Amino acid sequence: MQRQTALKRQKERARIEKQREKTANRLERRNDKGSTGAQAPGEDPDIAGIIPGPQPPAVD
């Protein structure tokens, strides 16, 4: 019977630790999201800085 109780405590600690990590990751992403550089109005951030034309050869 004591083994089951110990397993329950271990599971509960793991669950709480995982929740703390998730909360920390959310806060980190929220802070990173606000710190992105300012984009020009109407500029697509996915293609910003891409130079059109022939690209240099990929080095293997």
PDB file of N, CA and C in Angstrom:
ATOM      1  N   MET A   1       0.817  -1.192   0.000  1.00  0.00           N
ATOM      2  CA  MET A   1       0.000   0.000   0.000  1.00  0.00           C
ATOM      3  C   MET A   1       0.868   1.266   0.000  1.00  0.00           C
ATOM      4  N   GLN A   2       2.001   1.233   0.672  1.00  0.00           N
ATOM      5  CA  GLN A   2       2.848   2.411   0.729  1.00  0.00           C
ATOM      6  C   GLN A   2       3.487   2.709  -0.617  1.00  0.00           C
ATOM      7  N   ARG A   3       3.724   1.668  -1.390  1.00  0.00           N
ATOM      8  CA  ARG A   3       4.320   1.873  -2.712  1.00  0.00           C
ATOM      9  C   ARG A   3       3.388   2.700  -3.595  1.00  0.00           C
ATOM     10  N   GLN A   4       2.100   2.433  -3.531  1.00  0.00           N
ATOM     11  CA  GLN A   4       1.143   3.189  -4.334  1.00  0.00           C
ATOM     12  C   GLN A   4       1.126   4.663  -3.918  1.00  0.00           C
ATOM     13  N   THR A   5       1.199   4.900  -2.618  1.00  0.00           N
ATOM     14  CA  THR A   5       1.204   6.277  -2.131  1.00  0.00           C
ATOM     15  C   THR A   5       2.450   7.009  -2.621  1.00  0.00           C
ATOM     16  N   ALA A   6       3.588   6.333  -2.575  1.00  0.00           N
ATOM     17  CA  ALA A   6       4.830   6.953  -3.046  1.00  0.00           C
ATOM     18  C   ALA A   6       4.752   7.244  -4.541  1.00  0.00           C
ATOM     19  N   LEU A   7       4.168   6.333  -5.302  1.00  0.00           N
ATOM     20  CA  LEU A   7       4.018   6.566  -6.742  1.00  0.00           C
ATOM     21  C   LEU A   7       3.102   7.754  -7.017  1.00  0.00           C
ATOM     22  N   LYS A   8       2.039   7.876  -6.233  1.00  0.00           N
ATOM     23  CA  LYS A   8       1.121   9.013  -6.413  1.00  0.00           C
ATOM     24  C   LYS A   8       1.844  10.326  -6.139  1.00  0.00           C
ATOM     25  N   ARG A   9       2.647  10.350  -5.075  1.00  0.00           N
ATOM     26  CA  ARG A   9       3.401  11.570  -4.761  1.00  0.00           C
ATOM     27  C   ARG A   9       4.380  11.905  -5.876  1.00  0.00           C
ATOM     28  N   GLN A  10       5.056  10.889  -6.392  1.00  0.00           N
ATOM     29  CA  GLN A  10       6.026  11.095  -7.466  1.00  0.00           C
ATOM     30  C   GLN A  10       5.330  11.636  -8.712  1.00  0.00           C
ATOM     31  N   LYS A  11       4.186  11.076  -9.061  1.00  0.00           N
ATOM     32  CA  LYS A  11       3.433  11.554 -10.224  1.00  0.00           C
ATOM     33  C   LYS A  11       2.990  12.997 -10.026  1.00  0.00           C
ATOM     34  N   GLU A  12       2.512  13.297  -8.830  1.00  0.00           N
ATOM     35  CA  GLU A  12       2.043  14.648  -8.547  1.00  0.00           C
ATOM     36  C   GLU A  12       3.190  15.651  -8.636  1.00  0.00           C
ATOM     37  N   ARG A  13       4.355  15.305  -8.107  1.00  0.00           N
ATOM     38  CA  ARG A  13       5.524  16.199  -8.211  1.00  0.00           C
ATOM     39  C   ARG A  13       5.909  16.412  -9.670  1.00  0.00           C
ATOM     40  N   ALA A  14       5.884  15.346 -10.458  1.00  0.00           N
ATOM     41  CA  ALA A  14       6.233  15.457 -11.877  1.00  0.00           C
ATOM     42  C   ALA A  14       5.225  16.346 -12.602  1.00  0.00           C
ATOM     43  N   ARG A  15       3.949  16.200 -12.264  1.00  0.00           N
ATOM     44  CA  ARG A  15       2.913  17.014 -12.897  1.00  0.00           C
ATOM     45  C   ARG A  15       3.105  18.492 -12.560  1.00  0.00           C
ATOM     46  N   ILE A  16       3.390  18.777 -11.299  1.00  0.00           N
ATOM     47  CA  ILE A  16       3.592  20.166 -10.870  1.00  0.00           C
ATOM     48  C   ILE A  16       4.828  20.758 -11.544  1.00  0.00           C
ATOM     49  N   GLU A  17       5.913  19.991 -11.625  1.00  0.00           N
ATOM     50  CA  GLU A  17       7.139  20.472 -12.271  1.00  0.00           C
ATOM     51  C   GLU A  17       6.902  20.755 -13.753  1.00  0.00           C
ATOM     52  N   LYS A  18       6.173  19.887 -14.420  1.00  0.00           N
ATOM     53  CA  LYS A  18       5.869  20.094 -15.835  1.00  0.00           C
ATOM     54  C   LYS A  18       5.043  21.364 -16.020  1.00  0.00           C
ATOM     55  N   GLN A  19       4.088  21.599 -15.121  1.00  0.00           N
ATOM     56  CA  GLN A  19       3.264  22.806 -15.206  1.00  0.00           C
ATOM     57  C   GLN A  19       4.121  24.055 -15.006  1.00  0.00           C
ATOM     58  N   ARG A  20       5.081  23.995 -14.084  1.00  0.00           N
ATOM     59  CA  ARG A  20       5.989  25.136 -13.877  1.00  0.00           C
ATOM     60  C   ARG A  20       6.803  25.414 -15.130  1.00  0.00           C
ATOM     61  N   GLU A  21       7.301  24.351 -15.764  1.00  0.00           N
ATOM     62  CA  GLU A  21       8.086  24.522 -16.992  1.00  0.00           C
ATOM     63  C   GLU A  21       7.245  25.133 -18.097  1.00  0.00           C
ATOM     64  N   LYS A  22       6.007  24.675 -18.221  1.00  0.00           N
ATOM     65  CA  LYS A  22       5.128  25.218 -19.252  1.00  0.00           C
ATOM     66  C   LYS A  22       4.859  26.704 -19.005  1.00  0.00           C
ATOM     67  N   THR A  23       4.637  27.063 -17.755  1.00  0.00           N
ATOM     68  CA  THR A  23       4.385  28.465 -17.426  1.00  0.00           C
ATOM     69  C   THR A  23       5.610  29.314 -17.741  1.00  0.00           C
ATOM     70  N   ALA A  24       6.784  28.815 -17.393  1.00  0.00           N
ATOM     71  CA  ALA A  24       8.015  29.551 -17.684  1.00  0.00           C
ATOM     72  C   ALA A  24       8.209  29.710 -19.188  1.00  0.00           C
ATOM     73  N   ASN A  25       7.922  28.663 -19.957  1.00  0.00           N
ATOM     74  CA  ASN A  25       8.056  28.740 -21.420  1.00  0.00           C
ATOM     75  C   ASN A  25       7.081  29.749 -21.999  1.00  0.00           C
ATOM     76  N   ARG A  26       5.861  29.775 -21.475  1.00  0.00           N
ATOM     77  CA  ARG A  26       4.878  30.749 -21.956  1.00  0.00           C
ATOM     78  C   ARG A  26       5.357  32.181 -21.713  1.00  0.00           C
ATOM     79  N   LEU A  27       5.868  32.431 -20.511  1.00  0.00           N
ATOM     80  CA  LEU A  27       6.363  33.774 -20.202  1.00  0.00           C
ATOM     81  C   LEU A  27       7.534  34.151 -21.093  1.00  0.00           C
ATOM     82  N   GLU A  28       8.433  33.199 -21.324  1.00  0.00           N
ATOM     83  CA  GLU A  28       9.588  33.458 -22.177  1.00  0.00           C
ATOM     84  C   GLU A  28       9.146  33.786 -23.605  1.00  0.00           C
ATOM     85  N   ARG A  29       8.203  33.009 -24.139  1.00  0.00           N
ATOM     86  CA  ARG A  29       7.713  33.279 -25.491  1.00  0.00           C
ATOM     87  C   ARG A  29       7.022  34.635 -25.554  1.00  0.00           C
ATOM     88  N   ARG A  30       6.260  34.969 -24.510  1.00  0.00           N
ATOM     89  CA  ARG A  30       5.558  36.254 -24.488  1.00  0.00           C
ATOM     90  C   ARG A  30       6.567  37.398 -24.494  1.00  0.00           C
ATOM     91  N   ASN A  31       7.644  37.266 -23.722  1.00  0.00           N
ATOM     92  CA  ASN A  31       8.665  38.314 -23.682  1.00  0.00           C
ATOM     93  C   ASN A  31       9.417  38.400 -25.007  1.00  0.00           C
ATOM     94  N   ASP A  32       9.718  37.262 -25.628  1.00  0.00           N
ATOM     95  CA  ASP A  32      10.415  37.254 -26.912  1.00  0.00           C
ATOM     96  C   ASP A  32       9.547  37.842 -28.006  1.00  0.00           C
ATOM     97  N   LYS A  33       8.263  37.591 -27.934  1.00  0.00           N
ATOM     98  CA  LYS A  33       7.342  38.066 -28.961  1.00  0.00           C
ATOM     99  C   LYS A  33       7.351  39.592 -29.018  1.00  0.00           C
ATOM    100  N   GLY A  34       7.407  40.245 -27.890  1.00  0.00           N
ATOM    101  CA  GLY A  34       7.394  41.699 -27.845  1.00  0.00           C
ATOM    102  C   GLY A  34       8.716  42.325 -28.231  1.00  0.00           C
ATOM    103  N   SER A  35       9.802  41.555 -28.219  1.00  0.00           N
ATOM    104  CA  SER A  35      11.111  42.131 -28.472  1.00  0.00           C
ATOM    105  C   SER A  35      11.557  41.998 -29.928  1.00  0.00           C
ATOM    106  N   THR A  36      10.682  41.559 -30.812  1.00  0.00           N
ATOM    107  CA  THR A  36      11.066  41.469 -32.219  1.00  0.00           C
ATOM    108  C   THR A  36      11.238  42.871 -32.778  1.00  0.00           C
ATOM    109  N   GLY A  37      12.104  42.994 -33.756  1.00  0.00           N
ATOM    110  CA  GLY A  37      12.380  44.293 -34.350  1.00  0.00           C
ATOM    111  C   GLY A  37      11.153  44.873 -35.035  1.00  0.00           C
ATOM    112  N   ALA A  38      11.100  46.181 -35.077  1.00  0.00           N
ATOM    113  CA  ALA A  38       9.969  46.848 -35.702  1.00  0.00           C
ATOM    114  C   ALA A  38      10.041  46.664 -37.217  1.00  0.00           C
ATOM    115  N   GLN A  39       8.959  46.283 -37.811  1.00  0.00           N
ATOM    116  CA  GLN A  39       8.869  46.089 -39.255  1.00  0.00           C
ATOM    117  C   GLN A  39       8.213  47.315 -39.884  1.00  0.00           C
ATOM    118  N   ALA A  40       8.557  47.551 -41.127  1.00  0.00           N
ATOM    119  CA  ALA A  40       7.913  48.621 -41.868  1.00  0.00           C
ATOM    120  C   ALA A  40       6.454  48.240 -42.091  1.00  0.00           C
ATOM    121  N   PRO A  41       5.557  49.196 -42.068  1.00  0.00           N
ATOM    122  CA  PRO A  41       4.149  48.865 -42.286  1.00  0.00           C
ATOM    123  C   PRO A  41       3.946  48.221 -43.654  1.00  0.00           C
ATOM    124  N   GLY A  42       3.228  47.121 -43.679  1.00  0.00           N
ATOM    125  CA  GLY A  42       2.953  46.428 -44.930  1.00  0.00           C
ATOM    126  C   GLY A  42       4.044  45.459 -45.345  1.00  0.00           C
ATOM    127  N   GLU A  43       5.124  45.339 -44.593  1.00  0.00           N
ATOM    128  CA  GLU A  43       6.201  44.416 -44.937  1.00  0.00           C
ATOM    129  C   GLU A  43       5.924  43.054 -44.310  1.00  0.00           C
ATOM    130  N   ASP A  44       6.054  42.009 -45.091  1.00  0.00           N
ATOM    131  CA  ASP A  44       5.826  40.651 -44.606  1.00  0.00           C
ATOM    132  C   ASP A  44       7.066  40.175 -43.859  1.00  0.00           C
ATOM    133  N   PRO A  45       6.949  39.830 -42.570  1.00  0.00           N
ATOM    134  CA  PRO A  45       8.121  39.421 -41.801  1.00  0.00           C
ATOM    135  C   PRO A  45       8.724  38.109 -42.284  1.00  0.00           C
ATOM    136  N   ASP A  46       7.955  37.286 -42.992  1.00  0.00           N
ATOM    137  CA  ASP A  46       8.482  36.020 -43.493  1.00  0.00           C
ATOM    138  C   ASP A  46       9.484  36.208 -44.626  1.00  0.00           C
ATOM    139  N   ILE A  47       9.313  37.267 -45.386  1.00  0.00           N
ATOM    140  CA  ILE A  47      10.200  37.470 -46.533  1.00  0.00           C
ATOM    141  C   ILE A  47      11.076  38.715 -46.377  1.00  0.00           C
ATOM    142  N   ALA A  48      11.089  39.317 -45.212  1.00  0.00           N
ATOM    143  CA  ALA A  48      11.899  40.511 -44.984  1.00  0.00           C
ATOM    144  C   ALA A  48      13.379  40.149 -45.097  1.00  0.00           C
ATOM    145  N   GLY A  49      14.127  40.938 -45.815  1.00  0.00           N
ATOM    146  CA  GLY A  49      15.559  40.733 -45.936  1.00  0.00           C
ATOM    147  C   GLY A  49      15.970  39.772 -47.035  1.00  0.00           C
ATOM    148  N   ILE A  50      15.027  39.230 -47.779  1.00  0.00           N
ATOM    149  CA  ILE A  50      15.360  38.315 -48.869  1.00  0.00           C
ATOM    150  C   ILE A  50      15.716  39.141 -50.096  1.00  0.00           C
ATOM    151  N   ILE A  51      16.824  38.782 -50.736  1.00  0.00           N
ATOM    152  CA  ILE A  51      17.275  39.501 -51.927  1.00  0.00           C
ATOM    153  C   ILE A  51      16.845  38.703 -53.154  1.00  0.00           C
ATOM    154  N   PRO A  52      16.091  39.327 -54.069  1.00  0.00           N
ATOM    155  CA  PRO A  52      15.679  38.607 -55.274  1.00  0.00           C
ATOM    156  C   PRO A  52      16.848  38.392 -56.222  1.00  0.00           C
ATOM    157  N   GLY A  53      16.723  37.395 -57.055  1.00  0.00           N
ATOM    158  CA  GLY A  53      17.752  37.115 -58.050  1.00  0.00           C
ATOM    159  C   GLY A  53      18.473  35.818 -57.757  1.00  0.00           C
ATOM    160  N   PRO A  54      19.525  35.545 -58.528  1.00  0.00           N
ATOM    161  CA  PRO A  54      20.261  34.300 -58.340  1.00  0.00           C
ATOM    162  C   PRO A  54      20.888  34.234 -56.951  1.00  0.00           C
ATOM    163  N   GLN A  55      20.855  33.068 -56.386  1.00  0.00           N
ATOM    164  CA  GLN A  55      21.406  32.857 -55.057  1.00  0.00           C
ATOM    165  C   GLN A  55      22.782  32.210 -55.176  1.00  0.00           C
ATOM    166  N   PRO A  56      23.643  32.445 -54.203  1.00  0.00           N
ATOM    167  CA  PRO A  56      24.973  31.807 -54.251  1.00  0.00           C
ATOM    168  C   PRO A  56      24.827  30.296 -54.125  1.00  0.00           C
ATOM    169  N   PRO A  57      25.751  29.533 -54.717  1.00  0.00           N
ATOM    170  CA  PRO A  57      25.654  28.082 -54.659  1.00  0.00           C
ATOM    171  C   PRO A  57      25.774  27.563 -53.222  1.00  0.00           C
ATOM    172  N   ALA A  58      25.006  26.532 -52.919  1.00  0.00           N
ATOM    173  CA  ALA A  58      25.064  25.920 -51.591  1.00  0.00           C
ATOM    174  C   ALA A  58      26.352  25.100 -51.480  1.00  0.00           C
ATOM    175  N   VAL A  59      27.050  25.267 -50.381  1.00  0.00           N
ATOM    176  CA  VAL A  59      28.299  24.537 -50.156  1.00  0.00           C
ATOM    177  C   VAL A  59      27.973  23.295 -49.374  1.00  0.00           C
ATOM    178  N   ASP A  60      28.419  22.140 -49.860  1.00  0.00           N
ATOM    179  CA  ASP A  60      28.112  20.873 -49.176  1.00  0.00           C
ATOM    180  C   ASP A  60      29.080  20.613 -48.096  1.00  0.00           C
TER     181      ASP A  60
END
